[in-house]
Amino acid sequence: QVQLVESGGGLVQAGGSLRLSCAASGRTFSTYVMGWFRRAPGKEREFVAAISWSGGSTYYADSVKGRFTISRDNAKNTVYLQMNSLKPEDTAEYYCAVGNPRTVVGRTTRGGYDYWGQGTQVTVSS
């Protein structure tokens, strides 16, 4: 049974940092794309970042580019999201996802992913 468990969320002041982790179990994901999405209150779930199986390619939403960094450790079946210079508008539930999308569009949209975690809350105070 595939399971994705996020951790690292919390409350932080604007300008602060958090590091999210997502541990995958149930199968080996070293050849899969791993991504992060988020859903703010009253909004749709949106793409944040994704990373290719090798880590050689990364993708970011314009809203987080330059502030967030995605990375992965295939030996640990884990993906990370380092979030710096956080803003109140980054407040959301953050979800990790795993899939095998073959296109850039697939890697940046919800439909490209097959497995999802339960989410971890990030709250940024002003």
Protein backbone atom coordinates (compact mmCIF):
# COMPACT_ATOMS: atom_id res chain seq x y z
CA GLN A 1 0.00 0.00 0.00
CA VAL A 2 1.43 3.33 -1.06
CA GLN A 3 1.66 5.95 1.65
CA LEU A 4 2.98 9.51 1.58
CA VAL A 5 3.47 11.28 4.88
CA GLU A 6 4.24 14.98 5.04
CA SER A 7 5.86 16.73 7.99
CA GLY A 8 7.49 20.02 8.87
CA GLY A 9 4.54 22.37 8.67
CA GLY A 10 3.79 24.93 11.34
CA LEU A 11 3.38 28.58 12.20
CA VAL A 12 6.07 31.03 11.15
CA GLN A 13 6.38 34.79 10.86
CA ALA A 14 6.64 36.47 7.49
CA GLY A 15 10.21 36.34 6.24
CA GLY A 16 10.88 33.09 8.06
CA SER A 17 11.66 29.61 6.76
CA LEU A 18 10.28 26.11 6.97
CA ARG A 19 11.38 22.79 5.53
CA LEU A 20 8.73 20.30 4.55
CA SER A 21 9.46 16.60 4.16
CA CYS A 22 7.47 13.86 2.51
CA ALA A 23 8.36 10.24 3.13
CA ALA A 24 7.03 7.69 0.68
CA SER A 25 6.53 4.01 1.46
CA GLY A 26 4.92 1.00 -0.14
CA ARG A 27 7.05 0.98 -3.23
CA THR A 28 10.23 2.49 -4.63
CA PHE A 29 9.71 5.92 -6.13
CA SER A 30 13.21 6.55 -7.37
CA THR A 31 12.01 6.60 -10.99
CA TYR A 32 8.97 8.78 -10.34
CA VAL A 33 8.40 12.51 -10.40
CA MET A 34 7.69 13.98 -6.98
CA GLY A 35 5.88 17.23 -6.44
CA TRP A 36 4.35 19.65 -3.97
CA PHE A 37 0.97 21.31 -4.24
CA ARG A 38 -0.92 23.57 -1.88
CA ARG A 39 -4.47 24.64 -1.17
CA ALA A 40 -5.24 27.92 0.52
CA PRO A 41 -8.63 28.45 2.19
CA GLY A 42 -11.32 28.97 -0.42
CA LYS A 43 -9.00 28.23 -3.31
CA GLU A 44 -8.22 25.33 -5.58
CA ARG A 45 -5.21 23.12 -5.04
CA GLU A 46 -2.31 24.60 -7.00
CA PHE A 47 1.08 23.47 -8.17
CA VAL A 48 4.11 24.59 -6.16
CA ALA A 49 7.14 22.59 -7.27
CA ALA A 50 8.21 19.31 -8.85
CA ILE A 51 11.41 17.37 -9.31
CA SER A 52 12.37 14.68 -11.81
CA TRP A 53 13.40 11.20 -10.72
CA SER A 54 17.11 12.04 -10.98
CA GLY A 55 16.77 15.47 -9.41
CA GLY A 56 18.23 16.97 -12.54
CA SER A 57 15.11 18.88 -13.49
CA THR A 58 13.03 21.06 -11.21
CA TYR A 59 9.89 23.08 -11.82
CA TYR A 60 8.41 25.92 -9.80
CA ALA A 61 5.31 28.04 -9.77
CA ASP A 62 6.13 31.66 -10.52
CA SER A 63 4.83 32.67 -7.09
CA VAL A 64 7.54 30.67 -5.28
CA LYS A 65 10.43 30.84 -7.72
CA GLY A 66 13.58 32.08 -6.03
CA ARG A 67 12.19 31.44 -2.54
CA PHE A 68 11.40 27.70 -2.49
CA THR A 69 13.73 24.82 -3.33
CA ILE A 70 12.64 21.25 -3.97
CA SER A 71 15.04 18.34 -3.52
CA ARG A 72 14.88 14.59 -3.06
CA ASP A 73 16.78 11.72 -1.53
CA ASN A 74 15.98 8.54 -3.46
CA ALA A 75 17.77 6.36 -0.94
CA LYS A 76 15.24 7.56 1.64
CA ASN A 77 12.24 7.78 -0.72
CA THR A 78 11.84 11.34 0.52
CA VAL A 79 11.19 14.70 -1.10
CA TYR A 80 11.81 18.05 0.59
CA LEU A 81 10.59 21.58 0.12
CA GLN A 82 12.76 24.31 1.60
CA MET A 83 10.68 27.45 1.92
CA ASN A 84 12.44 30.75 2.57
CA SER A 85 11.22 34.34 2.72
CA LEU A 86 7.75 33.12 3.51
CA LYS A 87 4.81 35.42 2.93
CA PRO A 88 1.31 35.41 4.41
CA GLU A 89 -0.01 34.38 1.00
CA ASP A 90 1.98 31.13 1.31
CA THR A 91 -0.42 30.07 4.04
CA ALA A 92 -2.00 26.81 2.89
CA GLU A 93 -2.23 23.08 3.35
CA TYR A 94 0.75 21.59 1.53
CA TYR A 95 0.53 18.20 -0.16
CA CYS A 96 3.19 16.01 -1.68
CA ALA A 97 2.43 13.89 -4.70
CA VAL A 98 4.09 11.18 -6.74
CA GLY A 99 3.49 10.22 -10.33
CA ASN A 100 4.98 9.58 -13.70
CA PRO A 101 3.93 12.51 -15.89
CA ARG A 102 5.80 12.55 -19.17
CA THR A 103 5.38 16.23 -20.04
CA VAL A 104 6.17 19.51 -18.38
CA VAL A 105 2.45 20.30 -18.29
CA GLY A 106 1.82 16.96 -16.62
CA ARG A 107 4.45 17.66 -14.02
CA THR A 108 2.84 20.96 -13.08
CA THR A 109 -0.80 19.89 -12.88
CA ARG A 110 -2.73 17.74 -10.45
CA GLY A 111 -3.74 15.22 -13.08
CA GLY A 112 -0.16 14.14 -13.61
CA TYR A 113 0.10 12.54 -10.18
CA ASP A 114 -1.21 9.23 -8.89
CA TYR A 115 -0.49 9.26 -5.17
CA TRP A 116 -1.10 12.02 -2.64
CA GLY A 117 -0.28 12.66 0.99
CA GLN A 118 -2.72 13.93 3.60
CA GLY A 119 -1.17 17.36 3.84
CA THR A 120 0.64 19.53 6.36
CA GLN A 121 -0.49 22.99 7.36
CA VAL A 122 1.75 26.01 6.86
CA THR A 123 0.64 29.29 8.39
CA VAL A 124 2.59 32.49 7.85
CA SER A 125 1.73 35.41 10.10
CA SER A 126 2.26 39.00 9.06
